[in-house]
Amino acid sequence: LCNADDVNIWITQSGPGSGRLIDYLPRSEQGCIVFTTRDRKTAVKLAHRNVVEVLEMDENVAIQLLQKCLVNSDLVNNRPDTAALLKELTYLPLAIVQASAYINENRITFMDYLSLLADQEEAVIDLLSEEFEDDRRYDNIKNPVGRESRGQCLSQRRV
């Protein structure tokens, strides 16, 4: 479960007669649930002692990953553009792999990719923030995708 940063969502009751969300998750010796969070206290409350800390990649390792994923590995020779791309992707391996796949398929430069991100970021956030009818969502709950996306973009900017 990605971005499980608010521990209260998991460990407090949503109303009278309802259980905690964490109580509804299956438990088994044959499998596990992986939570991702940026908050250590939340990680410990949800996973107890089964916490694995994933450190941010340094720039050299991120460059190596990017270079291995690119069809045109010479793109990384432009160090300023490479540094700008990796900084925007916050050195996250999944983001690097996804960006390189898009760059490969569309034969674009790092700066072209960064321009696309900048142009689309506000439009995507606005689209995801729109309210919509959903029979599976409680009436008093606002669109969680837009709030999470906006918060995630803001928190990534601060890193």
C-alpha atoms as a PDB file:
ATOM      1  CA  LEU A   1       0.000   0.000   0.000  1.00  0.00           C
ATOM      2  CA  CYS A   2       1.742   3.147  -1.227  1.00  0.00           C
ATOM      3  CA  ASN A   3       2.051   6.401   0.676  1.00  0.00           C
ATOM      4  CA  ALA A   4       0.611   5.110   3.947  1.00  0.00           C
ATOM      5  CA  ASP A   5       1.888   8.279   5.614  1.00  0.00           C
ATOM      6  CA  ASP A   6      -1.105   9.115   7.822  1.00  0.00           C
ATOM      7  CA  VAL A   7      -1.133   6.506  10.564  1.00  0.00           C
ATOM      8  CA  ASN A   8      -4.494   7.724  11.892  1.00  0.00           C
ATOM      9  CA  ILE A   9      -6.255   6.467   8.755  1.00  0.00           C
ATOM     10  CA  TRP A  10      -5.114   2.971   9.669  1.00  0.00           C
ATOM     11  CA  ILE A  11      -5.406   2.848  13.463  1.00  0.00           C
ATOM     12  CA  THR A  12      -8.429   4.997  14.385  1.00  0.00           C
ATOM     13  CA  GLN A  13     -12.079   4.087  14.012  1.00  0.00           C
ATOM     14  CA  SER A  14     -13.918   6.035  11.327  1.00  0.00           C
ATOM     15  CA  GLY A  15     -17.141   6.083  13.309  1.00  0.00           C
ATOM     16  CA  PRO A  16     -19.193   4.382  16.002  1.00  0.00           C
ATOM     17  CA  GLY A  17     -19.517   0.657  15.447  1.00  0.00           C
ATOM     18  CA  SER A  18     -16.807   0.521  12.800  1.00  0.00           C
ATOM     19  CA  GLY A  19     -13.446  -1.136  13.141  1.00  0.00           C
ATOM     20  CA  ARG A  20     -10.034   0.218  12.379  1.00  0.00           C
ATOM     21  CA  LEU A  21      -8.920  -0.087   8.759  1.00  0.00           C
ATOM     22  CA  ILE A  22      -5.858  -2.087   9.775  1.00  0.00           C
ATOM     23  CA  ASP A  23      -8.125  -4.730  11.341  1.00  0.00           C
ATOM     24  CA  TYR A  24      -9.616  -5.498   7.905  1.00  0.00           C
ATOM     25  CA  LEU A  25      -6.282  -6.367   6.290  1.00  0.00           C
ATOM     26  CA  PRO A  26      -5.648 -10.104   5.885  1.00  0.00           C
ATOM     27  CA  ARG A  27      -2.988 -11.797   7.998  1.00  0.00           C
ATOM     28  CA  SER A  28      -1.231 -14.956   6.947  1.00  0.00           C
ATOM     29  CA  GLU A  29       2.047 -16.801   7.291  1.00  0.00           C
ATOM     30  CA  GLN A  30       1.947 -17.382   3.524  1.00  0.00           C
ATOM     31  CA  GLY A  31       2.184 -13.758   2.443  1.00  0.00           C
ATOM     32  CA  CYS A  32       2.613 -10.193   3.525  1.00  0.00           C
ATOM     33  CA  ILE A  33       1.411  -6.685   2.828  1.00  0.00           C
ATOM     34  CA  VAL A  34       3.984  -4.082   1.916  1.00  0.00           C
ATOM     35  CA  PHE A  35       3.396  -0.524   3.103  1.00  0.00           C
ATOM     36  CA  THR A  36       5.424   2.382   1.801  1.00  0.00           C
ATOM     37  CA  THR A  37       5.707   5.520   3.867  1.00  0.00           C
ATOM     38  CA  ARG A  38       8.061   8.415   4.404  1.00  0.00           C
ATOM     39  CA  ASP A  39       7.255   8.474   8.122  1.00  0.00           C
ATOM     40  CA  ARG A  40       9.214   6.126  10.413  1.00  0.00           C
ATOM     41  CA  LYS A  41       6.623   6.280  13.233  1.00  0.00           C
ATOM     42  CA  THR A  42       3.915   5.174  10.821  1.00  0.00           C
ATOM     43  CA  ALA A  43       6.152   2.377   9.524  1.00  0.00           C
ATOM     44  CA  VAL A  44       6.739   1.043  13.035  1.00  0.00           C
ATOM     45  CA  LYS A  45       3.049   1.251  13.992  1.00  0.00           C
ATOM     46  CA  LEU A  46       2.003  -0.629  10.841  1.00  0.00           C
ATOM     47  CA  ALA A  47       4.844  -3.137  10.459  1.00  0.00           C
ATOM     48  CA  HIS A  48       6.164  -3.315  14.019  1.00  0.00           C
ATOM     49  CA  ARG A  49       9.751  -4.562  13.812  1.00  0.00           C
ATOM     50  CA  ASN A  50       9.500  -5.582  10.144  1.00  0.00           C
ATOM     51  CA  VAL A  51      10.621  -2.193   8.840  1.00  0.00           C
ATOM     52  CA  VAL A  52      13.013  -1.989   5.906  1.00  0.00           C
ATOM     53  CA  GLU A  53      14.461   1.462   5.309  1.00  0.00           C
ATOM     54  CA  VAL A  54      15.150   2.218   1.659  1.00  0.00           C
ATOM     55  CA  LEU A  55      17.693   4.961   1.328  1.00  0.00           C
ATOM     56  CA  GLU A  56      17.637   7.519  -1.462  1.00  0.00           C
ATOM     57  CA  MET A  57      19.934   6.614  -4.332  1.00  0.00           C
ATOM     58  CA  ASP A  58      22.955   8.825  -4.724  1.00  0.00           C
ATOM     59  CA  GLU A  59      23.496  10.574  -8.036  1.00  0.00           C
ATOM     60  CA  ASN A  60      26.132   8.119  -9.325  1.00  0.00           C
ATOM     61  CA  VAL A  61      23.950   5.057  -8.738  1.00  0.00           C
ATOM     62  CA  ALA A  62      20.963   6.859 -10.252  1.00  0.00           C
ATOM     63  CA  ILE A  63      23.021   7.714 -13.350  1.00  0.00           C
ATOM     64  CA  GLN A  64      24.061   4.074 -13.699  1.00  0.00           C
ATOM     65  CA  LEU A  65      20.442   2.917 -13.476  1.00  0.00           C
ATOM     66  CA  LEU A  66      19.326   5.556 -15.975  1.00  0.00           C
ATOM     67  CA  GLN A  67      22.125   4.643 -18.391  1.00  0.00           C
ATOM     68  CA  LYS A  68      21.251   0.923 -18.220  1.00  0.00           C
ATOM     69  CA  CYS A  69      17.603   1.658 -18.981  1.00  0.00           C
ATOM     70  CA  LEU A  70      18.186   3.948 -21.960  1.00  0.00           C
ATOM     71  CA  VAL A  71      18.365   2.808 -25.575  1.00  0.00           C
ATOM     72  CA  ASN A  72      20.573   5.839 -26.257  1.00  0.00           C
ATOM     73  CA  SER A  73      22.855   5.685 -23.216  1.00  0.00           C
ATOM     74  CA  ASP A  74      24.855   8.652 -24.556  1.00  0.00           C
ATOM     75  CA  LEU A  75      22.077  10.933 -23.275  1.00  0.00           C
ATOM     76  CA  VAL A  76      23.658  10.793 -19.816  1.00  0.00           C
ATOM     77  CA  ASN A  77      26.806  12.446 -21.188  1.00  0.00           C
ATOM     78  CA  ASN A  78      24.961  15.770 -20.946  1.00  0.00           C
ATOM     79  CA  ARG A  79      25.600  16.085 -17.206  1.00  0.00           C
ATOM     80  CA  PRO A  80      23.507  19.228 -16.518  1.00  0.00           C
ATOM     81  CA  ASP A  81      20.418  17.704 -18.179  1.00  0.00           C
ATOM     82  CA  THR A  82      21.010  14.360 -16.473  1.00  0.00           C
ATOM     83  CA  ALA A  83      21.343  16.038 -13.076  1.00  0.00           C
ATOM     84  CA  ALA A  84      18.168  18.076 -13.672  1.00  0.00           C
ATOM     85  CA  LEU A  85      16.196  14.973 -14.678  1.00  0.00           C
ATOM     86  CA  LEU A  86      17.344  12.912 -11.717  1.00  0.00           C
ATOM     87  CA  LYS A  87      16.647  15.764  -9.315  1.00  0.00           C
ATOM     88  CA  GLU A  88      13.114  16.125 -10.711  1.00  0.00           C
ATOM     89  CA  LEU A  89      12.609  12.363 -10.331  1.00  0.00           C
ATOM     90  CA  THR A  90      13.968  12.638  -6.759  1.00  0.00           C
ATOM     91  CA  TYR A  91      16.398   9.782  -7.464  1.00  0.00           C
ATOM     92  CA  LEU A  92      13.586   7.231  -7.148  1.00  0.00           C
ATOM     93  CA  PRO A  93      14.340   4.005  -9.038  1.00  0.00           C
ATOM     94  CA  LEU A  94      10.770   3.434 -10.255  1.00  0.00           C
ATOM     95  CA  ALA A  95      10.491   7.012 -11.507  1.00  0.00           C
ATOM     96  CA  ILE A  96      13.837   6.676 -13.304  1.00  0.00           C
ATOM     97  CA  VAL A  97      12.798   3.420 -14.991  1.00  0.00           C
ATOM     98  CA  GLN A  98       9.419   4.852 -16.049  1.00  0.00           C
ATOM     99  CA  ALA A  99      10.963   8.074 -17.365  1.00  0.00           C
ATOM    100  CA  SER A 100      13.591   6.179 -19.338  1.00  0.00           C
ATOM    101  CA  ALA A 101      10.908   3.959 -20.888  1.00  0.00           C
ATOM    102  CA  TYR A 102       9.017   7.047 -22.054  1.00  0.00           C
ATOM    103  CA  ILE A 103      12.226   8.668 -23.321  1.00  0.00           C
ATOM    104  CA  ASN A 104      13.132   5.485 -25.215  1.00  0.00           C
ATOM    105  CA  GLU A 105       9.718   5.061 -26.831  1.00  0.00           C
ATOM    106  CA  ASN A 106       9.441   8.678 -27.904  1.00  0.00           C
ATOM    107  CA  ARG A 107      13.111   9.339 -28.746  1.00  0.00           C
ATOM    108  CA  ILE A 108      13.184  12.566 -26.776  1.00  0.00           C
ATOM    109  CA  THR A 109      15.866  14.344 -24.754  1.00  0.00           C
ATOM    110  CA  PHE A 110      15.886  14.766 -20.998  1.00  0.00           C
ATOM    111  CA  MET A 111      14.956  18.433 -21.380  1.00  0.00           C
ATOM    112  CA  ASP A 112      11.999  17.500 -23.605  1.00  0.00           C
ATOM    113  CA  TYR A 113      10.832  15.088 -20.914  1.00  0.00           C
ATOM    114  CA  LEU A 114      11.248  17.730 -18.197  1.00  0.00           C
ATOM    115  CA  SER A 115       9.251  20.194 -20.309  1.00  0.00           C
ATOM    116  CA  LEU A 116       6.452  17.672 -20.669  1.00  0.00           C
ATOM    117  CA  LEU A 117       6.402  17.154 -16.912  1.00  0.00           C
ATOM    118  CA  ALA A 118       6.280  20.867 -16.237  1.00  0.00           C
ATOM    119  CA  ASP A 119       3.511  21.461 -18.793  1.00  0.00           C
ATOM    120  CA  GLN A 120       1.369  18.583 -17.622  1.00  0.00           C
ATOM    121  CA  GLU A 121       1.813  18.749 -13.854  1.00  0.00           C
ATOM    122  CA  GLU A 122      -0.814  21.413 -13.174  1.00  0.00           C
ATOM    123  CA  ALA A 123      -3.268  19.950 -15.711  1.00  0.00           C
ATOM    124  CA  VAL A 124      -2.946  16.474 -14.197  1.00  0.00           C
ATOM    125  CA  ILE A 125      -3.331  17.754 -10.640  1.00  0.00           C
ATOM    126  CA  ASP A 126      -6.412  19.778 -11.609  1.00  0.00           C
ATOM    127  CA  LEU A 127      -7.941  16.780 -13.396  1.00  0.00           C
ATOM    128  CA  LEU A 128      -7.293  14.470 -10.458  1.00  0.00           C
ATOM    129  CA  SER A 129      -8.689  17.049  -8.039  1.00  0.00           C
ATOM    130  CA  GLU A 130     -12.100  17.214  -9.718  1.00  0.00           C
ATOM    131  CA  GLU A 131     -14.944  15.846  -7.653  1.00  0.00           C
ATOM    132  CA  PHE A 132     -16.883  12.939  -9.118  1.00  0.00           C
ATOM    133  CA  GLU A 133     -19.683  10.618  -8.109  1.00  0.00           C
ATOM    134  CA  ASP A 134     -18.561   7.266  -6.775  1.00  0.00           C
ATOM    135  CA  ASP A 135     -21.048   4.864  -5.166  1.00  0.00           C
ATOM    136  CA  ARG A 136     -18.229   3.154  -3.275  1.00  0.00           C
ATOM    137  CA  ARG A 137     -17.085   6.341  -1.531  1.00  0.00           C
ATOM    138  CA  TYR A 138     -18.692   7.753   1.615  1.00  0.00           C
ATOM    139  CA  ASP A 139     -20.676  10.966   1.006  1.00  0.00           C
ATOM    140  CA  ASN A 140     -18.542  13.029   3.390  1.00  0.00           C
ATOM    141  CA  ILE A 141     -15.208  11.992   1.820  1.00  0.00           C
ATOM    142  CA  LYS A 142     -13.673  14.354  -0.733  1.00  0.00           C
ATOM    143  CA  ASN A 143     -11.734  13.108  -3.769  1.00  0.00           C
ATOM    144  CA  PRO A 144      -8.658  11.453  -2.177  1.00  0.00           C
ATOM    145  CA  VAL A 145      -6.693  11.104  -5.427  1.00  0.00           C
ATOM    146  CA  GLY A 146      -6.464  14.814  -6.082  1.00  0.00           C
ATOM    147  CA  ARG A 147      -5.534  15.623  -2.498  1.00  0.00           C
ATOM    148  CA  GLU A 148      -2.881  12.893  -2.442  1.00  0.00           C
ATOM    149  CA  SER A 149      -1.477  13.905  -5.814  1.00  0.00           C
ATOM    150  CA  ARG A 150      -1.321  17.564  -4.849  1.00  0.00           C
ATOM    151  CA  GLY A 151       0.299  16.679  -1.514  1.00  0.00           C
ATOM    152  CA  GLN A 152       2.726  14.285  -3.149  1.00  0.00           C
ATOM    153  CA  CYS A 153       3.806  16.892  -5.703  1.00  0.00           C
ATOM    154  CA  LEU A 154       4.262  19.461  -2.971  1.00  0.00           C
ATOM    155  CA  SER A 155       6.225  17.085  -0.749  1.00  0.00           C
ATOM    156  CA  GLN A 156       8.446  16.035  -3.649  1.00  0.00           C
ATOM    157  CA  ARG A 157       9.231  19.671  -4.311  1.00  0.00           C
ATOM    158  CA  ARG A 158      10.483  20.088  -0.737  1.00  0.00           C
ATOM    159  CA  VAL A 159      12.873  17.114  -0.913  1.00  0.00           C
END
